[in-house]
Amino acid sequence: MKTVRVRDVVIGEGMPKVCVPIVEIKLKDAVTFAEKLEAGGADIAEWRIDWFDEAYEISKVVEAAGCIRKALKKIPLIATFRTAGEGGRKGNQGGAVY
């Protein structure tokens, strides 16, 4: 099996990795959650942008990504945006699904 190294995490060898999603609506809450992941044993974090209340404002997404990245310290970050059809929170045409 091929391996992939992301920061200090090697995917494809050793124990299975734990990827924890960040699904907070507000940036403040996402940062607070991210700060706790290292102590919680997470190997990787997935920021679900479709949950972020300012997901359609690119400058806010870029700012939030930087804040979350900093809060995670060494934990790798995957950022995803899932449409409602993919099980996400935002609709396929930009509307929120609740």
N, C-alpha and C. Protein backbone atom coordinates (compact mmCIF):
# COMPACT_ATOMS: atom_id res chain seq x y z
N MET A 1 0.85 -1.18 0.00
CA MET A 1 0.00 0.00 0.00
C MET A 1 0.89 1.24 0.00
N LYS A 2 0.52 2.21 -0.80
CA LYS A 2 1.25 3.48 -0.80
C LYS A 2 0.87 4.28 0.44
N THR A 3 1.79 5.10 0.87
CA THR A 3 1.54 5.96 2.01
C THR A 3 1.57 7.42 1.57
N VAL A 4 0.93 8.24 2.36
CA VAL A 4 0.92 9.68 2.13
C VAL A 4 1.26 10.35 3.46
N ARG A 5 2.21 11.28 3.44
CA ARG A 5 2.56 12.03 4.64
C ARG A 5 1.96 13.43 4.53
N VAL A 6 1.20 13.79 5.56
CA VAL A 6 0.62 15.12 5.66
C VAL A 6 1.05 15.66 7.03
N ARG A 7 1.91 16.66 7.01
CA ARG A 7 2.54 17.14 8.24
C ARG A 7 3.25 15.97 8.90
N ASP A 8 2.91 15.63 10.13
CA ASP A 8 3.57 14.52 10.82
C ASP A 8 2.74 13.24 10.81
N VAL A 9 1.69 13.19 10.03
CA VAL A 9 0.81 12.02 9.98
C VAL A 9 1.07 11.25 8.69
N VAL A 10 1.34 9.95 8.84
CA VAL A 10 1.54 9.09 7.67
C VAL A 10 0.27 8.25 7.52
N ILE A 11 -0.42 8.48 6.41
CA ILE A 11 -1.66 7.77 6.12
C ILE A 11 -1.30 6.55 5.28
N GLY A 12 -1.77 5.39 5.71
CA GLY A 12 -1.50 4.17 4.97
C GLY A 12 -0.52 3.24 5.67
N GLU A 13 -0.12 3.60 6.89
CA GLU A 13 0.72 2.71 7.69
C GLU A 13 0.36 2.87 9.15
N GLY A 14 0.69 1.85 9.93
CA GLY A 14 0.42 1.90 11.36
C GLY A 14 -1.07 1.80 11.66
N MET A 15 -1.43 2.35 12.78
CA MET A 15 -2.83 2.31 13.23
C MET A 15 -3.71 3.15 12.30
N PRO A 16 -5.00 2.78 12.17
CA PRO A 16 -5.93 3.63 11.42
C PRO A 16 -5.96 5.03 12.04
N LYS A 17 -6.14 6.03 11.20
CA LYS A 17 -6.14 7.41 11.66
C LYS A 17 -7.57 7.86 11.99
N VAL A 18 -7.66 8.75 12.96
CA VAL A 18 -8.95 9.30 13.38
C VAL A 18 -9.08 10.70 12.77
N CYS A 19 -10.12 10.88 11.94
CA CYS A 19 -10.41 12.17 11.32
C CYS A 19 -11.69 12.70 11.94
N VAL A 20 -11.58 13.88 12.56
CA VAL A 20 -12.72 14.47 13.27
C VAL A 20 -13.25 15.66 12.48
N PRO A 21 -14.57 15.67 12.18
CA PRO A 21 -15.13 16.80 11.45
C PRO A 21 -15.37 18.01 12.34
N ILE A 22 -15.15 19.17 11.77
CA ILE A 22 -15.48 20.44 12.43
C ILE A 22 -16.72 20.96 11.73
N VAL A 23 -17.85 20.95 12.43
CA VAL A 23 -19.13 21.32 11.83
C VAL A 23 -19.80 22.47 12.58
N GLU A 24 -18.98 23.36 13.07
CA GLU A 24 -19.52 24.52 13.80
C GLU A 24 -20.00 25.57 12.80
N ILE A 25 -21.02 26.30 13.16
CA ILE A 25 -21.60 27.32 12.29
C ILE A 25 -20.82 28.64 12.39
N LYS A 26 -20.39 28.99 13.57
CA LYS A 26 -19.67 30.24 13.82
C LYS A 26 -18.17 29.99 13.91
N LEU A 27 -17.37 30.92 13.40
CA LEU A 27 -15.92 30.79 13.41
C LEU A 27 -15.39 30.63 14.84
N LYS A 28 -15.88 31.42 15.75
CA LYS A 28 -15.43 31.36 17.15
C LYS A 28 -15.58 29.94 17.70
N ASP A 29 -16.71 29.31 17.41
CA ASP A 29 -16.96 27.96 17.89
C ASP A 29 -16.08 26.93 17.18
N ALA A 30 -15.84 27.15 15.90
CA ALA A 30 -14.97 26.24 15.14
C ALA A 30 -13.55 26.27 15.67
N VAL A 31 -13.05 27.46 15.99
CA VAL A 31 -11.71 27.61 16.55
C VAL A 31 -11.62 26.95 17.93
N THR A 32 -12.61 27.18 18.76
CA THR A 32 -12.63 26.57 20.09
C THR A 32 -12.63 25.04 19.98
N PHE A 33 -13.42 24.51 19.07
CA PHE A 33 -13.46 23.07 18.86
C PHE A 33 -12.12 22.56 18.36
N ALA A 34 -11.53 23.26 17.40
CA ALA A 34 -10.24 22.86 16.82
C ALA A 34 -9.14 22.82 17.87
N GLU A 35 -9.17 23.76 18.79
CA GLU A 35 -8.15 23.82 19.84
C GLU A 35 -8.18 22.58 20.74
N LYS A 36 -9.31 21.92 20.83
CA LYS A 36 -9.46 20.75 21.70
C LYS A 36 -9.10 19.43 21.02
N LEU A 37 -8.91 19.43 19.71
CA LEU A 37 -8.73 18.18 18.99
C LEU A 37 -7.43 17.46 19.31
N GLU A 38 -6.36 18.20 19.54
CA GLU A 38 -5.09 17.55 19.85
C GLU A 38 -5.19 16.74 21.14
N ALA A 39 -5.77 17.33 22.17
CA ALA A 39 -5.93 16.63 23.45
C ALA A 39 -6.91 15.47 23.32
N GLY A 40 -7.83 15.57 22.36
CA GLY A 40 -8.81 14.52 22.15
C GLY A 40 -8.31 13.34 21.33
N GLY A 41 -7.09 13.44 20.82
CA GLY A 41 -6.51 12.33 20.10
C GLY A 41 -6.76 12.30 18.60
N ALA A 42 -7.26 13.37 18.03
CA ALA A 42 -7.50 13.39 16.59
C ALA A 42 -6.19 13.37 15.82
N ASP A 43 -6.17 12.62 14.73
CA ASP A 43 -5.00 12.59 13.85
C ASP A 43 -5.13 13.61 12.72
N ILE A 44 -6.36 13.82 12.26
CA ILE A 44 -6.66 14.69 11.13
C ILE A 44 -7.97 15.41 11.44
N ALA A 45 -8.13 16.64 10.96
CA ALA A 45 -9.39 17.37 11.10
C ALA A 45 -9.96 17.65 9.72
N GLU A 46 -11.27 17.55 9.60
CA GLU A 46 -11.97 17.89 8.36
C GLU A 46 -12.88 19.08 8.66
N TRP A 47 -12.59 20.22 8.06
CA TRP A 47 -13.47 21.38 8.24
C TRP A 47 -14.56 21.30 7.19
N ARG A 48 -15.78 21.13 7.63
CA ARG A 48 -16.94 21.06 6.75
C ARG A 48 -17.42 22.48 6.49
N ILE A 49 -16.94 23.07 5.42
CA ILE A 49 -17.26 24.46 5.09
C ILE A 49 -18.76 24.64 4.87
N ASP A 50 -19.45 23.60 4.43
CA ASP A 50 -20.89 23.70 4.20
C ASP A 50 -21.68 23.98 5.49
N TRP A 51 -21.05 23.78 6.64
CA TRP A 51 -21.69 24.12 7.91
C TRP A 51 -21.43 25.56 8.32
N PHE A 52 -20.39 26.17 7.81
CA PHE A 52 -19.98 27.53 8.17
C PHE A 52 -21.02 28.53 7.67
N ASP A 53 -21.49 29.40 8.55
CA ASP A 53 -22.57 30.33 8.18
C ASP A 53 -22.17 31.35 7.12
N GLU A 54 -20.88 31.58 6.93
CA GLU A 54 -20.42 32.54 5.92
C GLU A 54 -19.72 31.82 4.76
N ALA A 55 -20.19 30.61 4.46
CA ALA A 55 -19.55 29.76 3.47
C ALA A 55 -19.53 30.35 2.06
N TYR A 56 -20.44 31.25 1.76
CA TYR A 56 -20.50 31.82 0.41
C TYR A 56 -19.74 33.14 0.29
N GLU A 57 -19.05 33.53 1.35
CA GLU A 57 -18.23 34.75 1.32
C GLU A 57 -16.77 34.31 1.34
N ILE A 58 -16.14 34.28 0.17
CA ILE A 58 -14.80 33.68 0.03
C ILE A 58 -13.77 34.31 0.96
N SER A 59 -13.83 35.61 1.17
CA SER A 59 -12.86 36.24 2.07
C SER A 59 -13.04 35.74 3.50
N LYS A 60 -14.28 35.48 3.90
CA LYS A 60 -14.56 34.96 5.24
C LYS A 60 -14.09 33.50 5.36
N VAL A 61 -14.23 32.74 4.28
CA VAL A 61 -13.77 31.34 4.28
C VAL A 61 -12.25 31.30 4.40
N VAL A 62 -11.56 32.15 3.66
CA VAL A 62 -10.09 32.20 3.71
C VAL A 62 -9.63 32.60 5.11
N GLU A 63 -10.26 33.62 5.67
CA GLU A 63 -9.92 34.06 7.03
C GLU A 63 -10.15 32.93 8.04
N ALA A 64 -11.31 32.28 7.94
CA ALA A 64 -11.65 31.20 8.87
C ALA A 64 -10.68 30.04 8.73
N ALA A 65 -10.31 29.69 7.51
CA ALA A 65 -9.36 28.59 7.30
C ALA A 65 -8.04 28.87 8.00
N GLY A 66 -7.57 30.10 7.93
CA GLY A 66 -6.33 30.47 8.60
C GLY A 66 -6.43 30.36 10.11
N CYS A 67 -7.55 30.78 10.65
CA CYS A 67 -7.76 30.71 12.10
C CYS A 67 -7.86 29.26 12.57
N ILE A 68 -8.57 28.44 11.83
CA ILE A 68 -8.72 27.04 12.20
C ILE A 68 -7.38 26.32 12.06
N ARG A 69 -6.66 26.60 10.97
CA ARG A 69 -5.34 25.98 10.76
C ARG A 69 -4.42 26.28 11.94
N LYS A 70 -4.40 27.54 12.39
CA LYS A 70 -3.56 27.94 13.52
C LYS A 70 -3.99 27.22 14.80
N ALA A 71 -5.29 27.10 15.03
CA ALA A 71 -5.80 26.46 16.24
C ALA A 71 -5.47 24.97 16.29
N LEU A 72 -5.35 24.35 15.14
CA LEU A 72 -5.07 22.91 15.08
C LEU A 72 -3.61 22.57 15.37
N LYS A 73 -2.74 23.56 15.34
CA LYS A 73 -1.30 23.35 15.56
C LYS A 73 -0.77 22.37 14.53
N LYS A 74 -0.35 21.18 14.92
CA LYS A 74 0.27 20.23 13.98
C LYS A 74 -0.72 19.28 13.30
N ILE A 75 -1.97 19.30 13.71
CA ILE A 75 -2.96 18.38 13.12
C ILE A 75 -3.25 18.80 11.68
N PRO A 76 -3.15 17.88 10.73
CA PRO A 76 -3.49 18.20 9.33
C PRO A 76 -4.96 18.58 9.19
N LEU A 77 -5.23 19.45 8.22
CA LEU A 77 -6.59 19.94 7.98
C LEU A 77 -7.02 19.63 6.56
N ILE A 78 -8.18 19.00 6.45
CA ILE A 78 -8.84 18.78 5.16
C ILE A 78 -10.05 19.71 5.16
N ALA A 79 -10.24 20.46 4.09
CA ALA A 79 -11.41 21.33 3.98
C ALA A 79 -12.32 20.80 2.88
N THR A 80 -13.59 20.59 3.22
CA THR A 80 -14.55 20.08 2.24
C THR A 80 -15.81 20.93 2.25
N PHE A 81 -16.51 20.88 1.13
CA PHE A 81 -17.82 21.53 1.01
C PHE A 81 -18.73 20.51 0.35
N ARG A 82 -19.69 20.03 1.11
CA ARG A 82 -20.61 19.03 0.59
C ARG A 82 -21.96 19.67 0.33
N THR A 83 -22.51 19.41 -0.84
CA THR A 83 -23.84 19.91 -1.17
C THR A 83 -24.88 19.04 -0.46
N ALA A 84 -26.11 19.48 -0.48
CA ALA A 84 -27.19 18.70 0.15
C ALA A 84 -27.27 17.31 -0.48
N GLY A 85 -27.05 17.23 -1.79
CA GLY A 85 -27.09 15.95 -2.48
C GLY A 85 -25.98 15.00 -2.03
N GLU A 86 -24.93 15.55 -1.45
CA GLU A 86 -23.81 14.75 -0.95
C GLU A 86 -23.89 14.56 0.56
N GLY A 87 -25.02 14.98 1.15
CA GLY A 87 -25.19 14.85 2.59
C GLY A 87 -24.75 16.08 3.37
N GLY A 88 -24.48 17.17 2.67
CA GLY A 88 -24.04 18.40 3.32
C GLY A 88 -25.18 19.28 3.78
N ARG A 89 -24.82 20.40 4.36
CA ARG A 89 -25.80 21.31 4.94
C ARG A 89 -26.33 22.34 3.95
N LYS A 90 -25.55 22.71 2.96
CA LYS A 90 -25.98 23.70 1.99
C LYS A 90 -26.64 23.03 0.80
N GLY A 91 -27.62 23.72 0.23
CA GLY A 91 -28.32 23.19 -0.92
C GLY A 91 -27.47 23.22 -2.17
N ASN A 92 -27.90 22.48 -3.17
CA ASN A 92 -27.18 22.42 -4.44
C ASN A 92 -27.19 23.76 -5.17
N GLN A 93 -28.15 24.61 -4.86
CA GLN A 93 -28.24 25.91 -5.50
C GLN A 93 -27.90 27.04 -4.56
N GLY A 94 -27.25 26.75 -3.46
CA GLY A 94 -26.80 27.80 -2.55
C GLY A 94 -27.69 28.05 -1.35
N GLY A 95 -28.82 27.37 -1.26
CA GLY A 95 -29.69 27.57 -0.12
C GLY A 95 -29.31 26.64 1.03
N ALA A 96 -29.61 27.04 2.22
CA ALA A 96 -29.28 26.21 3.38
C ALA A 96 -30.35 25.13 3.56
N VAL A 97 -29.94 23.99 4.00
CA VAL A 97 -30.84 22.89 4.30
C VAL A 97 -30.79 22.68 5.81
N TYR A 98 -31.94 22.64 6.45
CA TYR A 98 -31.95 22.47 7.91
C TYR A 98 -32.70 21.22 8.30
